[in-house]
């Protein structure tokens, strides 16, 4: 994933990060352009599941995307003729 500066659109470099929850990161970034100098914090969140884990952690809850849910349900339900 490439992060760019919201001001000059140059590349932003990750300085440090922390993970306060299994599905959430706080990332401190800094613009690589010395003429710009912007620095800030971005949030990265695991928003939806498109394919379920084969080794799920029972404490992690990431909602299943609607299209994926339909596909999974179709695979589970028996076909009717």
Protein backbone atom coordinates (compact mmCIF):
# COMPACT_ATOMS: atom_id res chain seq x y z
CA UNK A 1 0.00 0.00 0.00
CA UNK A 2 1.46 3.33 -1.02
CA UNK A 3 0.63 6.28 1.22
CA UNK A 4 0.95 9.77 -0.25
CA UNK A 5 1.06 13.16 1.43
CA UNK A 6 -2.37 14.84 1.38
CA UNK A 7 -0.71 18.18 0.57
CA UNK A 8 2.11 17.72 -1.98
CA UNK A 9 1.13 14.17 -3.09
CA UNK A 10 4.72 12.93 -2.60
CA UNK A 11 5.32 9.64 -0.83
CA UNK A 12 4.73 9.45 2.93
CA UNK A 13 6.99 7.29 5.09
CA UNK A 14 5.79 5.24 8.06
CA UNK A 15 7.65 6.33 11.19
CA UNK A 16 5.95 4.14 13.77
CA UNK A 17 2.68 2.33 14.40
CA UNK A 18 0.70 0.77 17.19
CA UNK A 19 -2.12 -1.76 17.19
CA UNK A 20 -4.63 -0.95 19.95
CA UNK A 21 -7.07 -3.62 18.67
CA UNK A 22 -6.72 -6.74 16.48
CA UNK A 23 -8.52 -4.97 13.60
CA UNK A 24 -7.10 -1.45 13.97
CA UNK A 25 -3.73 0.30 13.48
CA UNK A 26 -2.62 3.86 14.25
CA UNK A 27 0.23 4.78 11.91
CA UNK A 28 2.43 7.85 12.23
CA UNK A 29 3.64 9.05 8.83
CA UNK A 30 5.87 11.80 7.51
CA UNK A 31 6.09 13.31 4.02
CA UNK A 32 9.30 12.35 2.23
CA UNK A 33 9.47 15.77 0.55
CA UNK A 34 11.66 18.00 2.77
CA UNK A 35 10.10 21.12 1.22
CA UNK A 36 6.67 20.01 2.45
CA UNK A 37 7.46 18.61 5.90
CA UNK A 38 3.94 17.42 6.76
CA UNK A 39 3.59 14.71 9.41
CA UNK A 40 0.49 13.12 10.87
CA UNK A 41 -1.38 10.04 11.97
CA UNK A 42 -3.48 7.75 9.78
CA UNK A 43 -5.84 4.95 10.78
CA UNK A 44 -5.94 1.54 9.13
CA UNK A 45 -8.95 -0.65 9.88
CA UNK A 46 -9.91 -4.12 8.68
CA UNK A 47 -13.39 -3.21 7.44
CA UNK A 48 -14.95 -6.32 5.88
CA UNK A 49 -14.25 -9.99 5.18
CA UNK A 50 -14.34 -11.19 1.58
CA UNK A 51 -13.09 -14.74 2.32
CA UNK A 52 -13.31 -16.26 5.81
CA UNK A 53 -10.17 -17.38 7.64
CA UNK A 54 -9.38 -21.07 7.88
CA UNK A 55 -7.91 -20.35 11.33
CA UNK A 56 -10.35 -17.83 12.82
CA UNK A 57 -9.60 -16.10 16.10
CA UNK A 58 -12.86 -16.18 18.11
CA UNK A 59 -12.09 -12.72 19.54
CA UNK A 60 -11.83 -11.08 16.09
CA UNK A 61 -15.08 -9.83 14.57
CA UNK A 62 -14.86 -8.48 11.01
CA UNK A 63 -18.23 -8.35 9.20
CA UNK A 64 -18.64 -10.37 6.01
CA UNK A 65 -19.19 -8.29 2.88
CA UNK A 66 -22.75 -8.67 1.51
CA UNK A 67 -21.70 -10.21 -1.83
CA UNK A 68 -19.40 -12.69 -0.07
CA UNK A 69 -22.14 -13.59 2.41
CA UNK A 70 -24.52 -14.48 -0.45
CA UNK A 71 -21.85 -16.57 -2.16
CA UNK A 72 -21.07 -18.45 1.06
CA UNK A 73 -24.76 -19.06 1.80
CA UNK A 74 -25.32 -20.37 -1.74
CA UNK A 75 -22.52 -22.90 -1.16
CA UNK A 76 -24.11 -24.08 2.10
CA UNK A 77 -27.72 -24.35 0.99
CA UNK A 78 -28.75 -27.51 -0.88
CA UNK A 79 -29.86 -27.05 -4.47
CA UNK A 80 -33.59 -27.42 -5.05
CA UNK A 81 -34.93 -28.79 -8.30
